Amino acid sequence: LYWDDLPGLTGGCHRQDQATTTLHEMTHLSEVAGTRDNGYGYDNIRKLSTQQSLTNADSYAMFANAIYARC
């Protein structure tokens, strides 16, 4: 993974960092969930249908970020 410009973790809501990028990419593995890229970033994933959200990699990354940052 390439993430030289990203911090390890951010305390901010809806932010991309190394942790969320790693989680996003790991959900693409067929052994995990085999997700797709239906939308990137908080504003775009909010526009997805429930079914699209369930199969969207960034939905899981942003959910983890929201828990960590207490959004």
PDB file of N, CA and C in Angstrom:
ATOM      1  N   LEU A   1       0.837  -1.179   0.000  1.00  0.00           N
ATOM      2  CA  LEU A   1       0.000   0.000   0.000  1.00  0.00           C
ATOM      3  C   LEU A   1       0.877   1.235   0.000  1.00  0.00           C
ATOM      4  N   TYR A   2       0.423   2.260  -0.690  1.00  0.00           N
ATOM      5  CA  TYR A   2       1.151   3.522  -0.751  1.00  0.00           C
ATOM      6  C   TYR A   2       0.396   4.563   0.058  1.00  0.00           C
ATOM      7  N   TRP A   3       1.038   5.055   1.106  1.00  0.00           N
ATOM      8  CA  TRP A   3       0.360   6.035   1.947  1.00  0.00           C
ATOM      9  C   TRP A   3       1.307   7.033   2.591  1.00  0.00           C
ATOM     10  N   ASP A   4       2.384   7.350   1.934  1.00  0.00           N
ATOM     11  CA  ASP A   4       3.386   8.252   2.502  1.00  0.00           C
ATOM     12  C   ASP A   4       2.820   9.594   2.936  1.00  0.00           C
ATOM     13  N   ASP A   5       1.779  10.068   2.295  1.00  0.00           N
ATOM     14  CA  ASP A   5       1.218  11.377   2.625  1.00  0.00           C
ATOM     15  C   ASP A   5       0.145  11.317   3.707  1.00  0.00           C
ATOM     16  N   LEU A   6      -0.128  10.130   4.234  1.00  0.00           N
ATOM     17  CA  LEU A   6      -1.192   9.982   5.219  1.00  0.00           C
ATOM     18  C   LEU A   6      -0.622   9.763   6.618  1.00  0.00           C
ATOM     19  N   PRO A   7      -1.255  10.353   7.640  1.00  0.00           N
ATOM     20  CA  PRO A   7      -0.829  10.073   9.013  1.00  0.00           C
ATOM     21  C   PRO A   7      -1.238   8.660   9.410  1.00  0.00           C
ATOM     22  N   GLY A   8      -0.604   8.117  10.425  1.00  0.00           N
ATOM     23  CA  GLY A   8      -0.963   6.789  10.913  1.00  0.00           C
ATOM     24  C   GLY A   8      -2.409   6.732  11.361  1.00  0.00           C
ATOM     25  N   LEU A   9      -2.785   7.679  12.207  1.00  0.00           N
ATOM     26  CA  LEU A   9      -4.156   7.810  12.702  1.00  0.00           C
ATOM     27  C   LEU A   9      -4.502   9.285  12.793  1.00  0.00           C
ATOM     28  N   THR A  10      -5.753   9.598  12.558  1.00  0.00           N
ATOM     29  CA  THR A  10      -6.214  10.965  12.782  1.00  0.00           C
ATOM     30  C   THR A  10      -7.257  10.931  13.877  1.00  0.00           C
ATOM     31  N   GLY A  11      -7.380  11.997  14.584  1.00  0.00           N
ATOM     32  CA  GLY A  11      -8.417  12.082  15.600  1.00  0.00           C
ATOM     33  C   GLY A  11      -9.680  12.711  15.061  1.00  0.00           C
ATOM     34  N   GLY A  12      -9.640  13.126  13.790  1.00  0.00           N
ATOM     35  CA  GLY A  12     -10.774  13.815  13.190  1.00  0.00           C
ATOM     36  C   GLY A  12     -11.779  12.874  12.563  1.00  0.00           C
ATOM     37  N   CYS A  13     -13.008  13.324  12.537  1.00  0.00           N
ATOM     38  CA  CYS A  13     -14.077  12.543  11.922  1.00  0.00           C
ATOM     39  C   CYS A  13     -13.977  12.575  10.404  1.00  0.00           C
ATOM     40  N   HIS A  14     -14.299  11.438   9.807  1.00  0.00           N
ATOM     41  CA  HIS A  14     -14.412  11.303   8.348  1.00  0.00           C
ATOM     42  C   HIS A  14     -13.092  11.574   7.641  1.00  0.00           C
ATOM     43  N   ARG A  15     -11.992  11.193   8.252  1.00  0.00           N
ATOM     44  CA  ARG A  15     -10.671  11.449   7.688  1.00  0.00           C
ATOM     45  C   ARG A  15     -10.031  10.154   7.213  1.00  0.00           C
ATOM     46  N   GLN A  16      -9.208  10.275   6.197  1.00  0.00           N
ATOM     47  CA  GLN A  16      -8.454   9.131   5.700  1.00  0.00           C
ATOM     48  C   GLN A  16      -7.087   9.133   6.366  1.00  0.00           C
ATOM     49  N   ASP A  17      -6.645   7.963   6.779  1.00  0.00           N
ATOM     50  CA  ASP A  17      -5.320   7.798   7.347  1.00  0.00           C
ATOM     51  C   ASP A  17      -4.818   6.405   6.982  1.00  0.00           C
ATOM     52  N   GLN A  18      -3.656   6.040   7.484  1.00  0.00           N
ATOM     53  CA  GLN A  18      -3.099   4.731   7.146  1.00  0.00           C
ATOM     54  C   GLN A  18      -3.978   3.597   7.662  1.00  0.00           C
ATOM     55  N   ALA A  19      -4.555   3.774   8.837  1.00  0.00           N
ATOM     56  CA  ALA A  19      -5.400   2.724   9.406  1.00  0.00           C
ATOM     57  C   ALA A  19      -6.662   2.501   8.572  1.00  0.00           C
ATOM     58  N   THR A  20      -7.346   3.584   8.194  1.00  0.00           N
ATOM     59  CA  THR A  20      -8.570   3.414   7.409  1.00  0.00           C
ATOM     60  C   THR A  20      -8.264   2.912   6.003  1.00  0.00           C
ATOM     61  N   THR A  21      -7.136   3.338   5.451  1.00  0.00           N
ATOM     62  CA  THR A  21      -6.746   2.854   4.121  1.00  0.00           C
ATOM     63  C   THR A  21      -6.464   1.360   4.160  1.00  0.00           C
ATOM     64  N   THR A  22      -5.770   0.905   5.198  1.00  0.00           N
ATOM     65  CA  THR A  22      -5.481  -0.524   5.338  1.00  0.00           C
ATOM     66  C   THR A  22      -6.771  -1.316   5.491  1.00  0.00           C
ATOM     67  N   LEU A  23      -7.675  -0.849   6.341  1.00  0.00           N
ATOM     68  CA  LEU A  23      -8.951  -1.542   6.523  1.00  0.00           C
ATOM     69  C   LEU A  23      -9.740  -1.579   5.220  1.00  0.00           C
ATOM     70  N   HIS A  24      -9.802  -0.451   4.529  1.00  0.00           N
ATOM     71  CA  HIS A  24     -10.489  -0.381   3.236  1.00  0.00           C
ATOM     72  C   HIS A  24      -9.952  -1.451   2.287  1.00  0.00           C
ATOM     73  N   GLU A  25      -8.650  -1.513   2.139  1.00  0.00           N
ATOM     74  CA  GLU A  25      -8.045  -2.466   1.201  1.00  0.00           C
ATOM     75  C   GLU A  25      -8.230  -3.908   1.656  1.00  0.00           C
ATOM     76  N   MET A  26      -8.168  -4.168   2.953  1.00  0.00           N
ATOM     77  CA  MET A  26      -8.328  -5.533   3.458  1.00  0.00           C
ATOM     78  C   MET A  26      -9.741  -6.063   3.229  1.00  0.00           C
ATOM     79  N   THR A  27     -10.741  -5.185   3.209  1.00  0.00           N
ATOM     80  CA  THR A  27     -12.103  -5.667   2.969  1.00  0.00           C
ATOM     81  C   THR A  27     -12.306  -6.134   1.534  1.00  0.00           C
ATOM     82  N   HIS A  28     -11.376  -5.788   0.650  1.00  0.00           N
ATOM     83  CA  HIS A  28     -11.463  -6.273  -0.728  1.00  0.00           C
ATOM     84  C   HIS A  28     -11.055  -7.741  -0.854  1.00  0.00           C
ATOM     85  N   LEU A  29     -10.380  -8.277   0.148  1.00  0.00           N
ATOM     86  CA  LEU A  29      -9.946  -9.675   0.078  1.00  0.00           C
ATOM     87  C   LEU A  29     -11.157 -10.601   0.067  1.00  0.00           C
ATOM     88  N   SER A  30     -11.133 -11.588  -0.788  1.00  0.00           N
ATOM     89  CA  SER A  30     -12.261 -12.522  -0.873  1.00  0.00           C
ATOM     90  C   SER A  30     -12.432 -13.303   0.425  1.00  0.00           C
ATOM     91  N   GLU A  31     -11.351 -13.481   1.173  1.00  0.00           N
ATOM     92  CA  GLU A  31     -11.424 -14.208   2.442  1.00  0.00           C
ATOM     93  C   GLU A  31     -12.126 -13.407   3.533  1.00  0.00           C
ATOM     94  N   VAL A  32     -12.265 -12.120   3.338  1.00  0.00           N
ATOM     95  CA  VAL A  32     -12.888 -11.263   4.346  1.00  0.00           C
ATOM     96  C   VAL A  32     -14.324 -10.959   3.939  1.00  0.00           C
ATOM     97  N   ALA A  33     -14.516 -10.069   3.020  1.00  0.00           N
ATOM     98  CA  ALA A  33     -15.872  -9.704   2.608  1.00  0.00           C
ATOM     99  C   ALA A  33     -15.998  -9.548   1.101  1.00  0.00           C
ATOM    100  N   GLY A  34     -14.882  -9.320   0.435  1.00  0.00           N
ATOM    101  CA  GLY A  34     -14.941  -9.122  -1.007  1.00  0.00           C
ATOM    102  C   GLY A  34     -15.745  -7.898  -1.395  1.00  0.00           C
ATOM    103  N   THR A  35     -15.446  -6.765  -0.780  1.00  0.00           N
ATOM    104  CA  THR A  35     -16.192  -5.539  -1.043  1.00  0.00           C
ATOM    105  C   THR A  35     -15.833  -4.919  -2.384  1.00  0.00           C
ATOM    106  N   ARG A  36     -16.602  -3.900  -2.734  1.00  0.00           N
ATOM    107  CA  ARG A  36     -16.381  -3.123  -3.960  1.00  0.00           C
ATOM    108  C   ARG A  36     -16.086  -1.677  -3.572  1.00  0.00           C
ATOM    109  N   ASP A  37     -15.836  -0.865  -4.581  1.00  0.00           N
ATOM    110  CA  ASP A  37     -15.662   0.573  -4.379  1.00  0.00           C
ATOM    111  C   ASP A  37     -16.867   1.287  -4.982  1.00  0.00           C
ATOM    112  N   ASN A  38     -17.948   1.319  -4.226  1.00  0.00           N
ATOM    113  CA  ASN A  38     -19.172   1.985  -4.680  1.00  0.00           C
ATOM    114  C   ASN A  38     -19.136   3.485  -4.417  1.00  0.00           C
ATOM    115  N   GLY A  39     -18.273   3.911  -3.521  1.00  0.00           N
ATOM    116  CA  GLY A  39     -18.144   5.323  -3.196  1.00  0.00           C
ATOM    117  C   GLY A  39     -16.968   5.537  -2.271  1.00  0.00           C
ATOM    118  N   TYR A  40     -16.312   6.669  -2.420  1.00  0.00           N
ATOM    119  CA  TYR A  40     -15.158   7.021  -1.590  1.00  0.00           C
ATOM    120  C   TYR A  40     -15.479   8.253  -0.757  1.00  0.00           C
ATOM    121  N   GLY A  41     -15.062   8.253   0.492  1.00  0.00           N
ATOM    122  CA  GLY A  41     -15.238   9.424   1.344  1.00  0.00           C
ATOM    123  C   GLY A  41     -16.627   9.514   1.951  1.00  0.00           C
ATOM    124  N   TYR A  42     -16.687  10.178   3.080  1.00  0.00           N
ATOM    125  CA  TYR A  42     -17.922  10.269   3.858  1.00  0.00           C
ATOM    126  C   TYR A  42     -19.095  10.832   3.062  1.00  0.00           C
ATOM    127  N   ASP A  43     -18.893  11.943   2.391  1.00  0.00           N
ATOM    128  CA  ASP A  43     -20.003  12.564   1.655  1.00  0.00           C
ATOM    129  C   ASP A  43     -20.563  11.649   0.577  1.00  0.00           C
ATOM    130  N   ASN A  44     -19.705  10.919  -0.100  1.00  0.00           N
ATOM    131  CA  ASN A  44     -20.169  10.020  -1.165  1.00  0.00           C
ATOM    132  C   ASN A  44     -20.801   8.751  -0.624  1.00  0.00           C
ATOM    133  N   ILE A  45     -20.280   8.201   0.457  1.00  0.00           N
ATOM    134  CA  ILE A  45     -20.876   6.959   0.957  1.00  0.00           C
ATOM    135  C   ILE A  45     -22.238   7.209   1.601  1.00  0.00           C
ATOM    136  N   ARG A  46     -22.501   8.412   2.050  1.00  0.00           N
ATOM    137  CA  ARG A  46     -23.821   8.738   2.599  1.00  0.00           C
ATOM    138  C   ARG A  46     -24.904   8.689   1.530  1.00  0.00           C
ATOM    139  N   LYS A  47     -24.525   8.807   0.280  1.00  0.00           N
ATOM    140  CA  LYS A  47     -25.483   8.797  -0.833  1.00  0.00           C
ATOM    141  C   LYS A  47     -25.820   7.384  -1.309  1.00  0.00           C
ATOM    142  N   LEU A  48     -25.123   6.383  -0.809  1.00  0.00           N
ATOM    143  CA  LEU A  48     -25.325   5.008  -1.260  1.00  0.00           C
ATOM    144  C   LEU A  48     -26.584   4.402  -0.659  1.00  0.00           C
ATOM    145  N   SER A  49     -27.158   3.454  -1.380  1.00  0.00           N
ATOM    146  CA  SER A  49     -28.281   2.690  -0.835  1.00  0.00           C
ATOM    147  C   SER A  49     -27.752   1.761   0.257  1.00  0.00           C
ATOM    148  N   THR A  50     -28.655   1.176   1.012  1.00  0.00           N
ATOM    149  CA  THR A  50     -28.243   0.243   2.061  1.00  0.00           C
ATOM    150  C   THR A  50     -27.441  -0.905   1.474  1.00  0.00           C
ATOM    151  N   GLN A  51     -27.920  -1.487   0.389  1.00  0.00           N
ATOM    152  CA  GLN A  51     -27.216  -2.612  -0.229  1.00  0.00           C
ATOM    153  C   GLN A  51     -25.834  -2.194  -0.724  1.00  0.00           C
ATOM    154  N   GLN A  52     -25.736  -1.031  -1.340  1.00  0.00           N
ATOM    155  CA  GLN A  52     -24.434  -0.548  -1.804  1.00  0.00           C
ATOM    156  C   GLN A  52     -23.498  -0.304  -0.623  1.00  0.00           C
ATOM    157  N   SER A  53     -24.015   0.219   0.465  1.00  0.00           N
ATOM    158  CA  SER A  53     -23.195   0.483   1.652  1.00  0.00           C
ATOM    159  C   SER A  53     -22.633  -0.799   2.246  1.00  0.00           C
ATOM    160  N   LEU A  54     -23.441  -1.856   2.236  1.00  0.00           N
ATOM    161  CA  LEU A  54     -23.001  -3.128   2.811  1.00  0.00           C
ATOM    162  C   LEU A  54     -21.866  -3.772   2.032  1.00  0.00           C
ATOM    163  N   THR A  55     -21.741  -3.432   0.766  1.00  0.00           N
ATOM    164  CA  THR A  55     -20.673  -4.015  -0.053  1.00  0.00           C
ATOM    165  C   THR A  55     -19.584  -2.999  -0.387  1.00  0.00           C
ATOM    166  N   ASN A  56     -19.611  -1.849   0.265  1.00  0.00           N
ATOM    167  CA  ASN A  56     -18.669  -0.774  -0.039  1.00  0.00           C
ATOM    168  C   ASN A  56     -17.507  -0.752   0.954  1.00  0.00           C
ATOM    169  N   ALA A  57     -16.298  -0.816   0.444  1.00  0.00           N
ATOM    170  CA  ALA A  57     -15.103  -0.856   1.294  1.00  0.00           C
ATOM    171  C   ALA A  57     -14.981   0.370   2.187  1.00  0.00           C
ATOM    172  N   ASP A  58     -15.234   1.544   1.661  1.00  0.00           N
ATOM    173  CA  ASP A  58     -15.053   2.762   2.452  1.00  0.00           C
ATOM    174  C   ASP A  58     -16.100   2.901   3.552  1.00  0.00           C
ATOM    175  N   SER A  59     -17.232   2.235   3.428  1.00  0.00           N
ATOM    176  CA  SER A  59     -18.224   2.259   4.505  1.00  0.00           C
ATOM    177  C   SER A  59     -17.630   1.673   5.776  1.00  0.00           C
ATOM    178  N   TYR A  60     -16.896   0.588   5.653  1.00  0.00           N
ATOM    179  CA  TYR A  60     -16.267  -0.049   6.805  1.00  0.00           C
ATOM    180  C   TYR A  60     -15.133   0.799   7.357  1.00  0.00           C
ATOM    181  N   ALA A  61     -14.371   1.419   6.480  1.00  0.00           N
ATOM    182  CA  ALA A  61     -13.273   2.279   6.917  1.00  0.00           C
ATOM    183  C   ALA A  61     -13.805   3.501   7.665  1.00  0.00           C
ATOM    184  N   MET A  62     -14.851   4.122   7.139  1.00  0.00           N
ATOM    185  CA  MET A  62     -15.411   5.304   7.787  1.00  0.00           C
ATOM    186  C   MET A  62     -16.129   4.943   9.087  1.00  0.00           C
ATOM    187  N   PHE A  63     -16.711   3.754   9.159  1.00  0.00           N
ATOM    188  CA  PHE A  63     -17.335   3.287  10.401  1.00  0.00           C
ATOM    189  C   PHE A  63     -16.277   3.137  11.488  1.00  0.00           C
ATOM    190  N   ALA A  64     -15.156   2.511  11.145  1.00  0.00           N
ATOM    191  CA  ALA A  64     -14.063   2.350  12.108  1.00  0.00           C
ATOM    192  C   ALA A  64     -13.518   3.706  12.540  1.00  0.00           C
ATOM    193  N   ASN A  65     -13.377   4.622  11.597  1.00  0.00           N
ATOM    194  CA  ASN A  65     -12.909   5.968  11.917  1.00  0.00           C
ATOM    195  C   ASN A  65     -13.879   6.662  12.867  1.00  0.00           C
ATOM    196  N   ALA A  66     -15.166   6.516  12.631  1.00  0.00           N
ATOM    197  CA  ALA A  66     -16.172   7.157  13.478  1.00  0.00           C
ATOM    198  C   ALA A  66     -16.115   6.630  14.909  1.00  0.00           C
ATOM    199  N   ILE A  67     -15.880   5.339  15.063  1.00  0.00           N
ATOM    200  CA  ILE A  67     -15.755   4.766  16.408  1.00  0.00           C
ATOM    201  C   ILE A  67     -14.499   5.299  17.086  1.00  0.00           C
ATOM    202  N   TYR A  68     -13.376   5.260  16.381  1.00  0.00           N
ATOM    203  CA  TYR A  68     -12.105   5.709  16.947  1.00  0.00           C
ATOM    204  C   TYR A  68     -12.146   7.194  17.316  1.00  0.00           C
ATOM    205  N   ALA A  69     -12.691   8.022  16.427  1.00  0.00           N
ATOM    206  CA  ALA A  69     -12.695   9.471  16.634  1.00  0.00           C
ATOM    207  C   ALA A  69     -13.904   9.951  17.442  1.00  0.00           C
ATOM    208  N   ARG A  70     -14.795   9.025  17.789  1.00  0.00           N
ATOM    209  CA  ARG A  70     -16.007   9.346  18.554  1.00  0.00           C
ATOM    210  C   ARG A  70     -16.861  10.403  17.854  1.00  0.00           C
ATOM    211  N   CYS A  71     -17.118  10.140  16.603  1.00  0.00           N
ATOM    212  CA  CYS A  71     -17.903  11.083  15.794  1.00  0.00           C
ATOM    213  C   CYS A  71     -19.382  10.992  16.120  1.00  0.00           C
TER     214      CYS A  71
END
